[in-house]
Amino acid sequence: TWRLAESMIKQLGYTPKYREMTDEENAVKILGVYKTNGKQKAKEMMET
């Protein structure tokens, strides 16, 4: 939802206002890295 709504703002011709990523979005990023690059890369991202 977050990314879709911000993509709509871009399509409307505007640069989306800066927003700090939520803890849920950060977890989704880590899980995405786990799915594509494995457990070790996910742990590295998590520690960072």
All heavy atoms as atom14 arrays in JSON, in Angstrom:
{
  "sequence": "TWRLAESMIKQLGYTPKYREMTDEENAVKILGVYKTNGKQKAKEMMET",
  "atom14_mask": [
    [1, 1, 1, 1, 1, 1, 1, 0, 0, 0, 0, 0, 0, 0],
    [1, 1, 1, 1, 1, 1, 1, 1, 1, 1, 1, 1, 1, 1],
    [1, 1, 1, 1, 1, 1, 1, 1, 1, 1, 1, 0, 0, 0],
    [1, 1, 1, 1, 1, 1, 1, 1, 0, 0, 0, 0, 0, 0],
    [1, 1, 1, 1, 1, 0, 0, 0, 0, 0, 0, 0, 0, 0],
    [1, 1, 1, 1, 1, 1, 1, 1, 1, 0, 0, 0, 0, 0],
    [1, 1, 1, 1, 1, 1, 0, 0, 0, 0, 0, 0, 0, 0],
    [1, 1, 1, 1, 1, 1, 1, 1, 0, 0, 0, 0, 0, 0],
    [1, 1, 1, 1, 1, 1, 1, 1, 0, 0, 0, 0, 0, 0],
    [1, 1, 1, 1, 1, 1, 1, 1, 1, 0, 0, 0, 0, 0],
    [1, 1, 1, 1, 1, 1, 1, 1, 1, 0, 0, 0, 0, 0],
    [1, 1, 1, 1, 1, 1, 1, 1, 0, 0, 0, 0, 0, 0],
    [1, 1, 1, 1, 0, 0, 0, 0, 0, 0, 0, 0, 0, 0],
    [1, 1, 1, 1, 1, 1, 1, 1, 1, 1, 1, 1, 0, 0],
    [1, 1, 1, 1, 1, 1, 1, 0, 0, 0, 0, 0, 0, 0],
    [1, 1, 1, 1, 1, 1, 1, 0, 0, 0, 0, 0, 0, 0],
    [1, 1, 1, 1, 1, 1, 1, 1, 1, 0, 0, 0, 0, 0],
    [1, 1, 1, 1, 1, 1, 1, 1, 1, 1, 1, 1, 0, 0],
    [1, 1, 1, 1, 1, 1, 1, 1, 1, 1, 1, 0, 0, 0],
    [1, 1, 1, 1, 1, 1, 1, 1, 1, 0, 0, 0, 0, 0],
    [1, 1, 1, 1, 1, 1, 1, 1, 0, 0, 0, 0, 0, 0],
    [1, 1, 1, 1, 1, 1, 1, 0, 0, 0, 0, 0, 0, 0],
    [1, 1, 1, 1, 1, 1, 1, 1, 0, 0, 0, 0, 0, 0],
    [1, 1, 1, 1, 1, 1, 1, 1, 1, 0, 0, 0, 0, 0],
    [1, 1, 1, 1, 1, 1, 1, 1, 1, 0, 0, 0, 0, 0],
    [1, 1, 1, 1, 1, 1, 1, 1, 0, 0, 0, 0, 0, 0],
    [1, 1, 1, 1, 1, 0, 0, 0, 0, 0, 0, 0, 0, 0],
    [1, 1, 1, 1, 1, 1, 1, 0, 0, 0, 0, 0, 0, 0],
    [1, 1, 1, 1, 1, 1, 1, 1, 1, 0, 0, 0, 0, 0],
    [1, 1, 1, 1, 1, 1, 1, 1, 0, 0, 0, 0, 0, 0],
    [1, 1, 1, 1, 1, 1, 1, 1, 0, 0, 0, 0, 0, 0],
    [1, 1, 1, 1, 0, 0, 0, 0, 0, 0, 0, 0, 0, 0],
    [1, 1, 1, 1, 1, 1, 1, 0, 0, 0, 0, 0, 0, 0],
    [1, 1, 1, 1, 1, 1, 1, 1, 1, 1, 1, 1, 0, 0],
    [1, 1, 1, 1, 1, 1, 1, 1, 1, 0, 0, 0, 0, 0],
    [1, 1, 1, 1, 1, 1, 1, 0, 0, 0, 0, 0, 0, 0],
    [1, 1, 1, 1, 1, 1, 1, 1, 0, 0, 0, 0, 0, 0],
    [1, 1, 1, 1, 0, 0, 0, 0, 0, 0, 0, 0, 0, 0],
    [1, 1, 1, 1, 1, 1, 1, 1, 1, 0, 0, 0, 0, 0],
    [1, 1, 1, 1, 1, 1, 1, 1, 1, 0, 0, 0, 0, 0],
    [1, 1, 1, 1, 1, 1, 1, 1, 1, 0, 0, 0, 0, 0],
    [1, 1, 1, 1, 1, 0, 0, 0, 0, 0, 0, 0, 0, 0],
    [1, 1, 1, 1, 1, 1, 1, 1, 1, 0, 0, 0, 0, 0],
    [1, 1, 1, 1, 1, 1, 1, 1, 1, 0, 0, 0, 0, 0],
    [1, 1, 1, 1, 1, 1, 1, 1, 0, 0, 0, 0, 0, 0],
    [1, 1, 1, 1, 1, 1, 1, 1, 0, 0, 0, 0, 0, 0],
    [1, 1, 1, 1, 1, 1, 1, 1, 1, 0, 0, 0, 0, 0],
    [1, 1, 1, 1, 1, 1, 1, 0, 0, 0, 0, 0, 0, 0]
  ],
  "atom14_positions": [
    [[0.8, -1.22, 0.0], [0.0, 0.0, 0.0], [0.84, 1.28, 0.0], [0.57, 2.21, -0.77], [-0.97, 0.02, 1.19], [-1.77, -1.17, 1.17], [-1.89, 1.23, 1.12], [0.0, 0.0, 0.0], [0.0, 0.0, 0.0], [0.0, 0.0, 0.0], [0.0, 0.0, 0.0], [0.0, 0.0, 0.0], [0.0, 0.0, 0.0], [0.0, 0.0, 0.0]],
    [[1.86, 1.35, 0.88], [2.66, 2.57, 0.96], [3.28, 2.89, -0.4], [3.18, 4.03, -0.9], [3.77, 2.42, 1.99], [3.36, 2.44, 3.43], [3.44, 1.41, 4.32], [2.83, 3.56, 4.17], [2.99, 1.82, 5.55], [2.62, 3.13, 5.49], [2.53, 4.88, 3.82], [2.13, 3.97, 6.48], [2.03, 5.72, 4.81], [1.82, 5.26, 6.11]],
    [[3.95, 1.91, -0.97], [4.65, 2.15, -2.24], [3.68, 2.46, -3.36], [3.95, 3.3, -4.24], [5.5, 0.92, -2.59], [6.38, 1.13, -3.81], [7.26, -0.09, -4.06], [7.8, -0.08, -5.41], [8.14, -1.16, -6.09], [8.01, -2.35, -5.53], [8.62, -1.08, -7.31], [0.0, 0.0, 0.0], [0.0, 0.0, 0.0], [0.0, 0.0, 0.0]],
    [[2.53, 1.8, -3.36], [1.54, 2.06, -4.4], [1.04, 3.49, -4.32], [0.97, 4.2, -5.33], [0.37, 1.07, -4.27], [-0.73, 1.25, -5.31], [-1.23, -0.11, -5.8], [-1.91, 2.05, -4.77], [0.0, 0.0, 0.0], [0.0, 0.0, 0.0], [0.0, 0.0, 0.0], [0.0, 0.0, 0.0], [0.0, 0.0, 0.0], [0.0, 0.0, 0.0]],
    [[0.7, 3.95, -3.11], [0.18, 5.31, -2.95], [1.23, 6.34, -3.36], [0.9, 7.35, -4.0], [-0.25, 5.53, -1.5], [0.0, 0.0, 0.0], [0.0, 0.0, 0.0], [0.0, 0.0, 0.0], [0.0, 0.0, 0.0], [0.0, 0.0, 0.0], [0.0, 0.0, 0.0], [0.0, 0.0, 0.0], [0.0, 0.0, 0.0], [0.0, 0.0, 0.0]],
    [[2.49, 6.09, -3.01], [3.54, 7.04, -3.39], [3.81, 7.0, -4.89], [4.17, 8.02, -5.49], [4.8, 6.75, -2.58], [4.62, 7.16, -1.12], [5.75, 6.78, -0.2], [6.54, 5.87, -0.53], [5.84, 7.39, 0.89], [0.0, 0.0, 0.0], [0.0, 0.0, 0.0], [0.0, 0.0, 0.0], [0.0, 0.0, 0.0], [0.0, 0.0, 0.0]],
    [[3.6, 5.84, -5.51], [3.72, 5.74, -6.97], [2.61, 6.54, -7.65], [2.82, 7.12, -8.73], [3.67, 4.28, -7.42], [4.79, 3.56, -6.93], [0.0, 0.0, 0.0], [0.0, 0.0, 0.0], [0.0, 0.0, 0.0], [0.0, 0.0, 0.0], [0.0, 0.0, 0.0], [0.0, 0.0, 0.0], [0.0, 0.0, 0.0], [0.0, 0.0, 0.0]],
    [[1.43, 6.56, -7.04], [0.34, 7.38, -7.58], [0.71, 8.85, -7.52], [0.42, 9.62, -8.45], [-0.95, 7.11, -6.79], [-1.56, 5.74, -7.05], [-3.08, 5.45, -6.08], [-4.2, 6.67, -6.8], [0.0, 0.0, 0.0], [0.0, 0.0, 0.0], [0.0, 0.0, 0.0], [0.0, 0.0, 0.0], [0.0, 0.0, 0.0], [0.0, 0.0, 0.0]],
    [[1.35, 9.27, -6.44], [1.78, 10.67, -6.32], [2.77, 11.01, -7.42], [2.69, 12.08, -8.05], [2.42, 10.93, -4.93], [1.41, 10.68, -3.8], [2.98, 12.34, -4.85], [0.17, 11.54, -3.85], [0.0, 0.0, 0.0], [0.0, 0.0, 0.0], [0.0, 0.0, 0.0], [0.0, 0.0, 0.0], [0.0, 0.0, 0.0], [0.0, 0.0, 0.0]],
    [[3.7, 10.09, -7.69], [4.67, 10.31, -8.77], [3.97, 10.42, -10.11], [4.3, 11.28, -10.94], [5.68, 9.16, -8.8], [6.66, 9.14, -7.66], [7.61, 7.94, -7.79], [8.55, 7.84, -6.6], [9.44, 6.64, -6.7], [0.0, 0.0, 0.0], [0.0, 0.0, 0.0], [0.0, 0.0, 0.0], [0.0, 0.0, 0.0], [0.0, 0.0, 0.0]],
    [[2.99, 9.54, -10.35], [2.28, 9.55, -11.62], [1.48, 10.84, -11.79], [1.25, 11.3, -12.91], [1.36, 8.33, -11.71], [0.66, 8.15, -13.05], [1.62, 7.91, -14.21], [2.71, 7.38, -14.03], [1.22, 8.31, -15.42], [0.0, 0.0, 0.0], [0.0, 0.0, 0.0], [0.0, 0.0, 0.0], [0.0, 0.0, 0.0], [0.0, 0.0, 0.0]],
    [[1.09, 11.44, -10.68], [0.38, 12.72, -10.72], [1.33, 13.89, -10.99], [0.89, 15.02, -11.15], [-0.37, 12.94, -9.4], [-1.65, 12.12, -9.22], [-2.07, 12.08, -7.75], [-2.77, 12.7, -10.09], [0.0, 0.0, 0.0], [0.0, 0.0, 0.0], [0.0, 0.0, 0.0], [0.0, 0.0, 0.0], [0.0, 0.0, 0.0], [0.0, 0.0, 0.0]],
    [[2.63, 13.59, -11.01], [3.6, 14.62, -11.38], [4.35, 15.25, -10.23], [5.01, 16.28, -10.41], [0.0, 0.0, 0.0], [0.0, 0.0, 0.0], [0.0, 0.0, 0.0], [0.0, 0.0, 0.0], [0.0, 0.0, 0.0], [0.0, 0.0, 0.0], [0.0, 0.0, 0.0], [0.0, 0.0, 0.0], [0.0, 0.0, 0.0], [0.0, 0.0, 0.0]],
    [[4.29, 14.64, -9.05], [4.94, 15.22, -7.87], [5.95, 14.25, -7.26], [5.83, 13.03, -7.4], [3.89, 15.57, -6.81], [2.82, 16.53, -7.29], [1.57, 16.05, -7.7], [3.06, 17.89, -7.35], [0.58, 16.92, -8.15], [2.07, 18.78, -7.81], [0.85, 18.28, -8.21], [-0.12, 19.13, -8.66], [0.0, 0.0, 0.0], [0.0, 0.0, 0.0]],
    [[6.95, 14.83, -6.6], [7.89, 14.02, -5.85], [7.29, 13.74, -4.48], [6.95, 14.69, -3.76], [9.23, 14.75, -5.66], [9.79, 15.02, -6.95], [10.2, 13.92, -4.84], [0.0, 0.0, 0.0], [0.0, 0.0, 0.0], [0.0, 0.0, 0.0], [0.0, 0.0, 0.0], [0.0, 0.0, 0.0], [0.0, 0.0, 0.0], [0.0, 0.0, 0.0]],
    [[7.1, 12.48, -4.1], [6.49, 12.19, -2.8], [7.27, 12.8, -1.64], [8.51, 12.81, -1.64], [6.52, 10.65, -2.73], [6.56, 10.22, -4.16], [7.39, 11.26, -4.86], [0.0, 0.0, 0.0], [0.0, 0.0, 0.0], [0.0, 0.0, 0.0], [0.0, 0.0, 0.0], [0.0, 0.0, 0.0], [0.0, 0.0, 0.0], [0.0, 0.0, 0.0]],
    [[6.56, 13.3, -0.68], [7.17, 13.86, 0.52], [7.97, 12.78, 1.26], [7.55, 11.61, 1.3], [6.05, 14.4, 1.42], [6.49, 15.04, 2.72], [5.27, 15.53, 3.5], [5.68, 16.1, 4.85], [4.48, 16.58, 5.6], [0.0, 0.0, 0.0], [0.0, 0.0, 0.0], [0.0, 0.0, 0.0], [0.0, 0.0, 0.0], [0.0, 0.0, 0.0]],
    [[9.09, 13.19, 1.84], [9.92, 12.22, 2.57], [9.12, 11.61, 3.72], [8.41, 12.3, 4.46], [11.18, 12.89, 3.13], [11.95, 11.96, 4.05], [12.72, 10.93, 3.53], [11.85, 12.08, 5.44], [13.4, 10.04, 4.37], [12.53, 11.22, 6.29], [13.3, 10.2, 5.74], [13.96, 9.33, 6.58], [0.0, 0.0, 0.0], [0.0, 0.0, 0.0]],
    [[9.27, 10.3, 3.88], [8.6, 9.59, 4.96], [9.54, 8.53, 5.51], [10.14, 7.76, 4.75], [7.32, 8.92, 4.41], [6.56, 8.06, 5.41], [5.33, 7.44, 4.77], [5.68, 6.57, 3.64], [6.06, 5.31, 3.76], [6.16, 4.75, 4.97], [6.35, 4.59, 2.69], [0.0, 0.0, 0.0], [0.0, 0.0, 0.0], [0.0, 0.0, 0.0]],
    [[9.69, 8.47, 6.81], [10.5, 7.41, 7.41], [9.78, 6.07, 7.24], [8.59, 5.98, 7.5], [10.75, 7.69, 8.89], [11.7, 8.84, 9.15], [12.06, 8.97, 10.62], [11.68, 8.08, 11.41], [12.73, 9.96, 10.98], [0.0, 0.0, 0.0], [0.0, 0.0, 0.0], [0.0, 0.0, 0.0], [0.0, 0.0, 0.0], [0.0, 0.0, 0.0]],
    [[10.52, 5.06, 6.82], [9.93, 3.74, 6.64], [9.45, 3.19, 7.98], [10.09, 3.38, 9.01], [10.95, 2.77, 6.04], [11.45, 3.13, 4.65], [10.19, 3.04, 3.35], [9.77, 4.79, 3.17], [0.0, 0.0, 0.0], [0.0, 0.0, 0.0], [0.0, 0.0, 0.0], [0.0, 0.0, 0.0], [0.0, 0.0, 0.0], [0.0, 0.0, 0.0]],
    [[8.33, 2.5, 7.96], [7.8, 1.89, 9.18], [8.56, 0.61, 9.51], [9.26, 0.05, 8.66], [6.31, 1.56, 9.01], [6.18, 0.55, 7.98], [5.51, 2.79, 8.61], [0.0, 0.0, 0.0], [0.0, 0.0, 0.0], [0.0, 0.0, 0.0], [0.0, 0.0, 0.0], [0.0, 0.0, 0.0], [0.0, 0.0, 0.0], [0.0, 0.0, 0.0]],
    [[8.41, 0.15, 10.75], [9.07, -1.11, 11.14], [8.59, -2.28, 10.29], [9.34, -3.21, 10.0], [8.85, -1.39, 12.63], [7.39, -1.58, 13.01], [6.49, -1.24, 12.21], [7.13, -2.06, 14.14], [0.0, 0.0, 0.0], [0.0, 0.0, 0.0], [0.0, 0.0, 0.0], [0.0, 0.0, 0.0], [0.0, 0.0, 0.0], [0.0, 0.0, 0.0]],
    [[7.34, -2.22, 9.85], [6.78, -3.27, 9.01], [7.45, -3.28, 7.64], [7.81, -4.34, 7.12], [5.27, -3.06, 8.87], [4.55, -4.14, 8.12], [3.07, -3.86, 7.99], [2.72, -3.06, 7.09], [2.28, -4.4, 8.78], [0.0, 0.0, 0.0], [0.0, 0.0, 0.0], [0.0, 0.0, 0.0], [0.0, 0.0, 0.0], [0.0, 0.0, 0.0]],
    [[7.64, -2.1, 7.05], [8.29, -2.0, 5.75], [9.73, -2.51, 5.82], [10.22, -3.16, 4.89], [8.27, -0.56, 5.25], [6.88, -0.08, 4.83], [6.89, 1.39, 4.48], [6.91, 2.23, 5.41], [6.88, 1.71, 3.28], [0.0, 0.0, 0.0], [0.0, 0.0, 0.0], [0.0, 0.0, 0.0], [0.0, 0.0, 0.0], [0.0, 0.0, 0.0]],
    [[10.42, -2.18, 6.91], [11.8, -2.66, 7.07], [11.85, -4.18, 7.19], [12.74, -4.82, 6.64], [12.44, -2.01, 8.31], [12.72, -0.53, 8.09], [12.93, -0.09, 6.96], [12.72, 0.25, 9.16], [0.0, 0.0, 0.0], [0.0, 0.0, 0.0], [0.0, 0.0, 0.0], [0.0, 0.0, 0.0], [0.0, 0.0, 0.0], [0.0, 0.0, 0.0]],
    [[10.87, -4.74, 7.89], [10.79, -6.21, 8.0], [10.54, -6.84, 6.63], [11.12, -7.88, 6.29], [9.69, -6.6, 8.98], [0.0, 0.0, 0.0], [0.0, 0.0, 0.0], [0.0, 0.0, 0.0], [0.0, 0.0, 0.0], [0.0, 0.0, 0.0], [0.0, 0.0, 0.0], [0.0, 0.0, 0.0], [0.0, 0.0, 0.0], [0.0, 0.0, 0.0]],
    [[9.68, -6.21, 5.84], [9.38, -6.71, 4.5], [10.64, -6.67, 3.63], [10.9, -7.6, 2.85], [8.25, -5.87, 3.85], [8.16, -6.13, 2.35], [6.91, -6.22, 4.51], [0.0, 0.0, 0.0], [0.0, 0.0, 0.0], [0.0, 0.0, 0.0], [0.0, 0.0, 0.0], [0.0, 0.0, 0.0], [0.0, 0.0, 0.0], [0.0, 0.0, 0.0]],
    [[11.45, -5.62, 3.76], [12.69, -5.53, 3.0], [13.64, -6.68, 3.36], [14.26, -7.31, 2.5], [13.4, -4.19, 3.27], [12.81, -3.02, 2.52], [13.68, -1.79, 2.69], [13.15, -0.63, 1.88], [14.01, 0.57, 2.01], [0.0, 0.0, 0.0], [0.0, 0.0, 0.0], [0.0, 0.0, 0.0], [0.0, 0.0, 0.0], [0.0, 0.0, 0.0]],
    [[13.75, -6.95, 4.66], [14.62, -8.03, 5.12], [14.13, -9.38, 4.59], [14.92, -10.2, 4.11], [14.69, -8.05, 6.66], [15.48, -6.81, 7.15], [15.32, -9.33, 7.18], [15.35, -6.55, 8.63], [0.0, 0.0, 0.0], [0.0, 0.0, 0.0], [0.0, 0.0, 0.0], [0.0, 0.0, 0.0], [0.0, 0.0, 0.0], [0.0, 0.0, 0.0]],
    [[12.83, -9.6, 4.65], [12.27, -10.85, 4.14], [12.48, -10.97, 2.63], [12.72, -12.06, 2.11], [10.78, -10.93, 4.48], [10.47, -11.23, 5.95], [9.01, -10.91, 6.26], [10.78, -12.69, 6.29], [0.0, 0.0, 0.0], [0.0, 0.0, 0.0], [0.0, 0.0, 0.0], [0.0, 0.0, 0.0], [0.0, 0.0, 0.0], [0.0, 0.0, 0.0]],
    [[12.4, -9.84, 1.93], [12.64, -9.85, 0.49], [14.07, -10.26, 0.17], [14.32, -11.04, -0.76], [0.0, 0.0, 0.0], [0.0, 0.0, 0.0], [0.0, 0.0, 0.0], [0.0, 0.0, 0.0], [0.0, 0.0, 0.0], [0.0, 0.0, 0.0], [0.0, 0.0, 0.0], [0.0, 0.0, 0.0], [0.0, 0.0, 0.0], [0.0, 0.0, 0.0]],
    [[15.02, -9.74, 0.95], [16.42, -10.1, 0.77], [16.62, -11.58, 1.1], [17.36, -12.29, 0.4], [17.34, -9.22, 1.64], [18.76, -9.76, 1.69], [17.35, -7.79, 1.11], [0.0, 0.0, 0.0], [0.0, 0.0, 0.0], [0.0, 0.0, 0.0], [0.0, 0.0, 0.0], [0.0, 0.0, 0.0], [0.0, 0.0, 0.0], [0.0, 0.0, 0.0]],
    [[15.95, -12.05, 2.14], [16.04, -13.47, 2.5], [15.56, -14.34, 1.34], [16.2, -15.35, 0.99], [15.22, -13.75, 3.75], [15.03, -15.22, 4.02], [16.09, -16.01, 4.46], [13.8, -15.83, 3.77], [15.92, -17.37, 4.67], [13.63, -17.19, 3.99], [14.7, -17.95, 4.43], [14.53, -19.3, 4.62], [0.0, 0.0, 0.0], [0.0, 0.0, 0.0]],
    [[14.44, -13.96, 0.73], [13.87, -14.76, -0.35], [14.8, -14.81, -1.56], [14.88, -15.83, -2.25], [12.51, -14.17, -0.78], [11.42, -14.23, 0.27], [10.82, -15.61, 0.37], [9.63, -15.62, 1.32], [9.04, -16.96, 1.47], [0.0, 0.0, 0.0], [0.0, 0.0, 0.0], [0.0, 0.0, 0.0], [0.0, 0.0, 0.0], [0.0, 0.0, 0.0]],
    [[15.47, -13.68, -1.86], [16.27, -13.62, -3.08], [17.76, -13.91, -2.87], [18.42, -14.43, -3.77], [16.14, -12.23, -3.73], [16.49, -11.21, -2.77], [14.71, -11.98, -4.19], [0.0, 0.0, 0.0], [0.0, 0.0, 0.0], [0.0, 0.0, 0.0], [0.0, 0.0, 0.0], [0.0, 0.0, 0.0], [0.0, 0.0, 0.0], [0.0, 0.0, 0.0]],
    [[18.29, -13.58, -1.68], [19.74, -13.7, -1.46], [20.14, -14.59, -0.29], [21.33, -14.76, -0.02], [20.35, -12.31, -1.27], [20.13, -11.42, -2.47], [19.36, -10.47, -2.4], [20.78, -11.71, -3.57], [0.0, 0.0, 0.0], [0.0, 0.0, 0.0], [0.0, 0.0, 0.0], [0.0, 0.0, 0.0], [0.0, 0.0, 0.0], [0.0, 0.0, 0.0]],
    [[19.16, -15.11, 0.43], [19.48, -16.04, 1.5], [19.58, -15.44, 2.89], [19.54, -14.22, 3.08], [0.0, 0.0, 0.0], [0.0, 0.0, 0.0], [0.0, 0.0, 0.0], [0.0, 0.0, 0.0], [0.0, 0.0, 0.0], [0.0, 0.0, 0.0], [0.0, 0.0, 0.0], [0.0, 0.0, 0.0], [0.0, 0.0, 0.0], [0.0, 0.0, 0.0]],
    [[19.73, -16.34, 3.86], [19.69, -15.98, 5.28], [20.82, -15.05, 5.69], [20.61, -14.08, 6.43], [19.71, -17.25, 6.11], [19.57, -17.02, 7.6], [19.55, -18.36, 8.33], [19.47, -18.17, 9.85], [19.44, -19.47, 10.56], [0.0, 0.0, 0.0], [0.0, 0.0, 0.0], [0.0, 0.0, 0.0], [0.0, 0.0, 0.0], [0.0, 0.0, 0.0]],
    [[22.03, -15.31, 5.22], [23.18, -14.51, 5.65], [23.04, -13.05, 5.22], [23.3, -12.13, 6.01], [24.48, -15.1, 5.1], [25.74, -14.41, 5.6], [25.84, -14.39, 7.12], [25.5, -15.36, 7.79], [26.28, -13.26, 7.67], [0.0, 0.0, 0.0], [0.0, 0.0, 0.0], [0.0, 0.0, 0.0], [0.0, 0.0, 0.0], [0.0, 0.0, 0.0]],
    [[22.63, -12.82, 3.98], [22.45, -11.45, 3.5], [21.33, -10.75, 4.27], [21.41, -9.56, 4.55], [22.12, -11.46, 2.0], [23.28, -11.85, 1.11], [24.39, -10.81, 1.17], [25.53, -11.16, 0.23], [26.64, -10.18, 0.3], [0.0, 0.0, 0.0], [0.0, 0.0, 0.0], [0.0, 0.0, 0.0], [0.0, 0.0, 0.0], [0.0, 0.0, 0.0]],
    [[20.29, -11.51, 4.61], [19.19, -10.93, 5.38], [19.67, -10.52, 6.77], [19.3, -9.46, 7.28], [18.04, -11.94, 5.49], [0.0, 0.0, 0.0], [0.0, 0.0, 0.0], [0.0, 0.0, 0.0], [0.0, 0.0, 0.0], [0.0, 0.0, 0.0], [0.0, 0.0, 0.0], [0.0, 0.0, 0.0], [0.0, 0.0, 0.0], [0.0, 0.0, 0.0]],
    [[20.51, -11.35, 7.38], [21.06, -11.01, 8.71], [21.97, -9.79, 8.63], [21.96, -8.94, 9.53], [21.83, -12.21, 9.25], [20.93, -13.38, 9.65], [21.72, -14.61, 10.04], [22.38, -14.46, 11.39], [23.02, -15.73, 11.83], [0.0, 0.0, 0.0], [0.0, 0.0, 0.0], [0.0, 0.0, 0.0], [0.0, 0.0, 0.0], [0.0, 0.0, 0.0]],
    [[22.73, -9.67, 7.55], [23.6, -8.51, 7.38], [22.77, -7.23, 7.26], [23.1, -6.2, 7.86], [24.48, -8.69, 6.15], [25.56, -9.75, 6.32], [26.28, -10.07, 5.02], [26.06, -9.34, 4.02], [27.07, -11.05, 4.99], [0.0, 0.0, 0.0], [0.0, 0.0, 0.0], [0.0, 0.0, 0.0], [0.0, 0.0, 0.0], [0.0, 0.0, 0.0]],
    [[21.7, -7.3, 6.49], [20.83, -6.13, 6.35], [20.17, -5.8, 7.69], [20.06, -4.62, 8.07], [19.74, -6.39, 5.3], [18.68, -5.28, 5.24], [17.43, -5.55, 3.98], [18.21, -4.73, 2.6], [0.0, 0.0, 0.0], [0.0, 0.0, 0.0], [0.0, 0.0, 0.0], [0.0, 0.0, 0.0], [0.0, 0.0, 0.0], [0.0, 0.0, 0.0]],
    [[19.76, -6.82, 8.4], [19.12, -6.63, 9.7], [20.05, -5.93, 10.68], [19.65, -4.99, 11.39], [18.68, -7.99, 10.24], [17.88, -7.93, 11.53], [17.4, -9.61, 12.01], [16.13, -9.98, 10.81], [0.0, 0.0, 0.0], [0.0, 0.0, 0.0], [0.0, 0.0, 0.0], [0.0, 0.0, 0.0], [0.0, 0.0, 0.0], [0.0, 0.0, 0.0]],
    [[21.3, -6.37, 10.73], [22.26, -5.75, 11.65], [22.52, -4.29, 11.27], [22.62, -3.43, 12.14], [23.58, -6.54, 11.66], [24.58, -5.99, 12.66], [25.65, -6.99, 13.03], [25.71, -8.07, 12.41], [26.42, -6.69, 13.95], [0.0, 0.0, 0.0], [0.0, 0.0, 0.0], [0.0, 0.0, 0.0], [0.0, 0.0, 0.0], [0.0, 0.0, 0.0]],
    [[22.62, -4.04, 9.96], [22.82, -2.65, 9.51], [21.66, -1.77, 9.93], [21.85, -0.67, 10.46], [22.98, -2.61, 7.97], [24.13, -3.36, 7.6], [23.13, -1.18, 7.48], [0.0, 0.0, 0.0], [0.0, 0.0, 0.0], [0.0, 0.0, 0.0], [0.0, 0.0, 0.0], [0.0, 0.0, 0.0], [0.0, 0.0, 0.0], [0.0, 0.0, 0.0]]
  ]
}
